[in-house]
Amino acid sequence: MKQKRYPLLLLSLFLFIFMSSCREPRDLEYRGFNNLRLDKLGFDASKLMVDLQYYNPNNFSLDLNRADLDVFIDSTLVGHSAQNVQINIPKRDVFTLPVVIDLDMKNLLKNSILTLFSKEVQVRLVGKVKLGKAGVYKNFKVDYTTRQNFSLFR
């Protein structure tokens, strides 16, 4: 009778260790942005480039494979970013994510007058990113909202 319990106990222990090691990664923490620059300016569309800074609170590194995000400013869709990138995200460290945003100038100009005179704007990123480790990737939803100081007349 004891011989039959030993494989069951061993299997249970293996499953417990396996399940506890495969936990979901914690959300990346937004820290700020740098190097905001306009790459291409046009009447219909423009390209905005920015380096976003994030912190990885996880005890393991990750790989970012794809980012597909819509950018809203004060609830108005102003652009979209779709990038196939390969970025290594170090464990418990700050990293930089370069982002190229295709701006919709019609929506941006239509709603920019109120934005120009306000001290803060609400920035919202909605979409998904593909994160993984060792070639195994999973899509994660992104819905991040922050208030950003912005004023042309400081």
C-alpha atoms as a PDB file:
ATOM      1  CA  MET A   1       0.000   0.000   0.000  1.00  0.00           C
ATOM      2  CA  LYS A   2       2.881   2.386   0.775  1.00  0.00           C
ATOM      3  CA  GLN A   3       4.437   1.786  -2.651  1.00  0.00           C
ATOM      4  CA  LYS A   4       1.311   3.129  -4.397  1.00  0.00           C
ATOM      5  CA  ARG A   5       1.332   6.361  -2.338  1.00  0.00           C
ATOM      6  CA  TYR A   6       4.954   7.189  -3.145  1.00  0.00           C
ATOM      7  CA  PRO A   7       4.404   7.937  -6.901  1.00  0.00           C
ATOM      8  CA  LEU A   8       1.247   9.913  -6.082  1.00  0.00           C
ATOM      9  CA  LEU A   9       3.128  11.974  -3.482  1.00  0.00           C
ATOM     10  CA  LEU A  10       6.002  12.559  -5.902  1.00  0.00           C
ATOM     11  CA  LEU A  11       3.594  13.612  -8.672  1.00  0.00           C
ATOM     12  CA  SER A  12       1.779  15.991  -6.299  1.00  0.00           C
ATOM     13  CA  LEU A  13       5.065  17.565  -5.210  1.00  0.00           C
ATOM     14  CA  PHE A  14       6.190  17.988  -8.834  1.00  0.00           C
ATOM     15  CA  LEU A  15       2.874  19.627  -9.818  1.00  0.00           C
ATOM     16  CA  PHE A  16       3.031  21.984  -6.829  1.00  0.00           C
ATOM     17  CA  ILE A  17       6.559  23.123  -7.701  1.00  0.00           C
ATOM     18  CA  PHE A  18       5.715  23.457 -11.403  1.00  0.00           C
ATOM     19  CA  MET A  19       2.517  25.458 -10.800  1.00  0.00           C
ATOM     20  CA  SER A  20       4.130  27.803  -8.273  1.00  0.00           C
ATOM     21  CA  SER A  21       7.032  28.630 -10.620  1.00  0.00           C
ATOM     22  CA  CYS A  22       4.767  29.534 -13.558  1.00  0.00           C
ATOM     23  CA  ARG A  23       3.006  32.542 -12.105  1.00  0.00           C
ATOM     24  CA  GLU A  24       1.825  35.532 -14.095  1.00  0.00           C
ATOM     25  CA  PRO A  25       4.278  38.426 -14.365  1.00  0.00           C
ATOM     26  CA  ARG A  26       3.376  41.539 -12.417  1.00  0.00           C
ATOM     27  CA  ASP A  27       2.513  44.693 -14.347  1.00  0.00           C
ATOM     28  CA  LEU A  28       5.338  46.940 -15.467  1.00  0.00           C
ATOM     29  CA  GLU A  29       5.412  50.315 -13.692  1.00  0.00           C
ATOM     30  CA  TYR A  30       5.462  53.495 -15.791  1.00  0.00           C
ATOM     31  CA  ARG A  31       8.212  55.900 -14.654  1.00  0.00           C
ATOM     32  CA  GLY A  32       8.159  58.662 -17.278  1.00  0.00           C
ATOM     33  CA  PHE A  33       9.291  59.596 -20.762  1.00  0.00           C
ATOM     34  CA  ASN A  34      12.337  61.131 -22.463  1.00  0.00           C
ATOM     35  CA  ASN A  35      13.364  62.344 -25.903  1.00  0.00           C
ATOM     36  CA  LEU A  36       9.965  63.422 -27.205  1.00  0.00           C
ATOM     37  CA  ARG A  37      10.534  64.351 -30.852  1.00  0.00           C
ATOM     38  CA  LEU A  38       8.538  64.840 -34.022  1.00  0.00           C
ATOM     39  CA  ASP A  39       9.945  62.651 -36.791  1.00  0.00           C
ATOM     40  CA  LYS A  40       7.632  63.489 -39.687  1.00  0.00           C
ATOM     41  CA  LEU A  41       5.143  66.329 -39.910  1.00  0.00           C
ATOM     42  CA  GLY A  42       2.215  66.299 -42.318  1.00  0.00           C
ATOM     43  CA  PHE A  43      -1.342  67.586 -42.647  1.00  0.00           C
ATOM     44  CA  ASP A  44      -2.983  64.147 -42.545  1.00  0.00           C
ATOM     45  CA  ALA A  45      -0.505  62.155 -40.467  1.00  0.00           C
ATOM     46  CA  SER A  46       2.660  62.703 -38.470  1.00  0.00           C
ATOM     47  CA  LYS A  47       5.107  60.496 -36.600  1.00  0.00           C
ATOM     48  CA  LEU A  48       5.968  61.148 -32.982  1.00  0.00           C
ATOM     49  CA  MET A  49       8.861  59.326 -31.308  1.00  0.00           C
ATOM     50  CA  VAL A  50       9.256  58.991 -27.548  1.00  0.00           C
ATOM     51  CA  ASP A  51      11.285  56.861 -25.140  1.00  0.00           C
ATOM     52  CA  LEU A  52       9.077  55.497 -22.357  1.00  0.00           C
ATOM     53  CA  GLN A  53      10.703  54.456 -19.092  1.00  0.00           C
ATOM     54  CA  TYR A  54       9.315  51.481 -17.150  1.00  0.00           C
ATOM     55  CA  TYR A  55      10.326  49.460 -14.106  1.00  0.00           C
ATOM     56  CA  ASN A  56      10.101  45.644 -14.070  1.00  0.00           C
ATOM     57  CA  PRO A  57       9.121  44.565 -10.508  1.00  0.00           C
ATOM     58  CA  ASN A  58       9.416  40.849 -11.338  1.00  0.00           C
ATOM     59  CA  ASN A  59      12.192  38.552 -10.112  1.00  0.00           C
ATOM     60  CA  PHE A  60      12.835  37.427 -13.674  1.00  0.00           C
ATOM     61  CA  SER A  61      13.683  39.094 -16.958  1.00  0.00           C
ATOM     62  CA  LEU A  62      11.184  39.242 -19.812  1.00  0.00           C
ATOM     63  CA  ASP A  63      11.282  39.733 -23.563  1.00  0.00           C
ATOM     64  CA  LEU A  64       8.962  42.202 -25.278  1.00  0.00           C
ATOM     65  CA  ASN A  65       8.087  40.986 -28.757  1.00  0.00           C
ATOM     66  CA  ARG A  66       5.244  43.238 -29.954  1.00  0.00           C
ATOM     67  CA  ALA A  67       3.394  46.360 -28.828  1.00  0.00           C
ATOM     68  CA  ASP A  68       0.073  47.429 -30.350  1.00  0.00           C
ATOM     69  CA  LEU A  69      -1.318  50.543 -28.616  1.00  0.00           C
ATOM     70  CA  ASP A  70      -3.874  53.292 -29.184  1.00  0.00           C
ATOM     71  CA  VAL A  71      -2.998  56.688 -27.676  1.00  0.00           C
ATOM     72  CA  PHE A  72      -5.715  58.935 -26.255  1.00  0.00           C
ATOM     73  CA  ILE A  73      -5.278  62.487 -24.961  1.00  0.00           C
ATOM     74  CA  ASP A  74      -8.228  63.774 -22.942  1.00  0.00           C
ATOM     75  CA  SER A  75     -10.435  60.923 -24.273  1.00  0.00           C
ATOM     76  CA  THR A  76      -9.626  61.703 -27.926  1.00  0.00           C
ATOM     77  CA  LEU A  77      -7.851  59.144 -30.080  1.00  0.00           C
ATOM     78  CA  VAL A  78      -4.755  60.897 -31.388  1.00  0.00           C
ATOM     79  CA  GLY A  79      -2.613  58.048 -32.652  1.00  0.00           C
ATOM     80  CA  HIS A  80      -1.658  54.408 -32.912  1.00  0.00           C
ATOM     81  CA  SER A  81       1.581  52.542 -32.349  1.00  0.00           C
ATOM     82  CA  ALA A  82       2.180  49.068 -33.785  1.00  0.00           C
ATOM     83  CA  GLN A  83       5.721  47.788 -33.417  1.00  0.00           C
ATOM     84  CA  ASN A  84       7.462  44.464 -33.790  1.00  0.00           C
ATOM     85  CA  VAL A  85      10.391  44.898 -31.440  1.00  0.00           C
ATOM     86  CA  GLN A  86      12.706  42.584 -29.561  1.00  0.00           C
ATOM     87  CA  ILE A  87      13.588  44.193 -26.239  1.00  0.00           C
ATOM     88  CA  ASN A  88      15.056  42.409 -23.246  1.00  0.00           C
ATOM     89  CA  ILE A  89      13.507  43.654 -20.009  1.00  0.00           C
ATOM     90  CA  PRO A  90      15.907  43.132 -17.082  1.00  0.00           C
ATOM     91  CA  LYS A  91      14.614  41.874 -13.743  1.00  0.00           C
ATOM     92  CA  ARG A  92      13.968  44.503 -11.056  1.00  0.00           C
ATOM     93  CA  ASP A  93      15.389  47.323 -13.135  1.00  0.00           C
ATOM     94  CA  VAL A  94      14.364  50.369 -15.157  1.00  0.00           C
ATOM     95  CA  PHE A  95      14.377  50.019 -18.942  1.00  0.00           C
ATOM     96  CA  THR A  96      13.573  52.229 -21.927  1.00  0.00           C
ATOM     97  CA  LEU A  97      11.000  51.387 -24.580  1.00  0.00           C
ATOM     98  CA  PRO A  98      11.329  53.416 -27.811  1.00  0.00           C
ATOM     99  CA  VAL A  99       7.859  54.043 -29.271  1.00  0.00           C
ATOM    100  CA  VAL A 100       6.846  55.429 -32.668  1.00  0.00           C
ATOM    101  CA  ILE A 101       3.293  56.830 -32.715  1.00  0.00           C
ATOM    102  CA  ASP A 102       1.421  57.491 -35.948  1.00  0.00           C
ATOM    103  CA  LEU A 103      -0.563  60.645 -35.143  1.00  0.00           C
ATOM    104  CA  ASP A 104      -3.965  61.357 -36.672  1.00  0.00           C
ATOM    105  CA  MET A 105      -3.593  65.087 -37.260  1.00  0.00           C
ATOM    106  CA  LYS A 106      -7.321  65.656 -37.911  1.00  0.00           C
ATOM    107  CA  ASN A 107      -8.309  64.461 -34.435  1.00  0.00           C
ATOM    108  CA  LEU A 108      -5.300  66.074 -32.831  1.00  0.00           C
ATOM    109  CA  LEU A 109      -5.892  69.520 -34.349  1.00  0.00           C
ATOM    110  CA  LYS A 110      -9.650  69.366 -33.808  1.00  0.00           C
ATOM    111  CA  ASN A 111      -9.240  68.888 -30.064  1.00  0.00           C
ATOM    112  CA  SER A 112      -5.925  70.644 -29.404  1.00  0.00           C
ATOM    113  CA  ILE A 113      -7.146  74.129 -28.490  1.00  0.00           C
ATOM    114  CA  LEU A 114      -8.338  73.072 -25.024  1.00  0.00           C
ATOM    115  CA  THR A 115      -5.184  71.003 -24.561  1.00  0.00           C
ATOM    116  CA  LEU A 116      -2.895  73.942 -25.366  1.00  0.00           C
ATOM    117  CA  PHE A 117      -4.266  76.035 -22.511  1.00  0.00           C
ATOM    118  CA  SER A 118      -4.536  73.343 -19.846  1.00  0.00           C
ATOM    119  CA  LYS A 119      -1.790  72.591 -17.331  1.00  0.00           C
ATOM    120  CA  GLU A 120      -2.404  68.846 -17.333  1.00  0.00           C
ATOM    121  CA  VAL A 121      -3.669  66.386 -19.898  1.00  0.00           C
ATOM    122  CA  GLN A 122      -4.952  62.883 -19.404  1.00  0.00           C
ATOM    123  CA  VAL A 123      -2.928  60.359 -21.417  1.00  0.00           C
ATOM    124  CA  ARG A 124      -4.367  56.880 -21.915  1.00  0.00           C
ATOM    125  CA  LEU A 125      -2.738  53.892 -23.615  1.00  0.00           C
ATOM    126  CA  VAL A 126      -5.017  51.012 -24.652  1.00  0.00           C
ATOM    127  CA  GLY A 127      -3.997  47.876 -26.494  1.00  0.00           C
ATOM    128  CA  LYS A 128      -1.872  44.803 -25.975  1.00  0.00           C
ATOM    129  CA  VAL A 129       1.750  43.779 -25.666  1.00  0.00           C
ATOM    130  CA  LYS A 130       3.337  40.405 -26.245  1.00  0.00           C
ATOM    131  CA  LEU A 131       5.651  39.424 -23.378  1.00  0.00           C
ATOM    132  CA  GLY A 132       7.442  36.190 -22.735  1.00  0.00           C
ATOM    133  CA  LYS A 133      10.522  34.296 -21.763  1.00  0.00           C
ATOM    134  CA  ALA A 134      12.602  31.633 -23.536  1.00  0.00           C
ATOM    135  CA  GLY A 135      10.562  31.837 -26.743  1.00  0.00           C
ATOM    136  CA  VAL A 136       7.168  31.381 -25.035  1.00  0.00           C
ATOM    137  CA  TYR A 137       5.061  34.538 -25.429  1.00  0.00           C
ATOM    138  CA  LYS A 138       1.649  35.608 -24.177  1.00  0.00           C
ATOM    139  CA  ASN A 139      -0.503  38.637 -25.004  1.00  0.00           C
ATOM    140  CA  PHE A 140      -1.284  41.013 -22.139  1.00  0.00           C
ATOM    141  CA  LYS A 141      -3.893  43.760 -22.260  1.00  0.00           C
ATOM    142  CA  VAL A 142      -2.763  47.307 -21.576  1.00  0.00           C
ATOM    143  CA  ASP A 143      -5.114  49.977 -20.248  1.00  0.00           C
ATOM    144  CA  TYR A 144      -3.006  52.646 -18.604  1.00  0.00           C
ATOM    145  CA  THR A 145      -4.145  56.167 -17.698  1.00  0.00           C
ATOM    146  CA  THR A 146      -2.067  58.980 -16.232  1.00  0.00           C
ATOM    147  CA  ARG A 147      -2.148  62.738 -15.846  1.00  0.00           C
ATOM    148  CA  GLN A 148       0.783  64.446 -17.560  1.00  0.00           C
ATOM    149  CA  ASN A 149       1.917  68.016 -16.942  1.00  0.00           C
ATOM    150  CA  PHE A 150       1.732  69.933 -20.192  1.00  0.00           C
ATOM    151  CA  SER A 151       1.739  73.635 -20.863  1.00  0.00           C
ATOM    152  CA  LEU A 152       3.112  75.756 -23.672  1.00  0.00           C
ATOM    153  CA  PHE A 153       2.897  78.915 -21.592  1.00  0.00           C
ATOM    154  CA  ARG A 154       4.763  78.051 -18.343  1.00  0.00           C
END
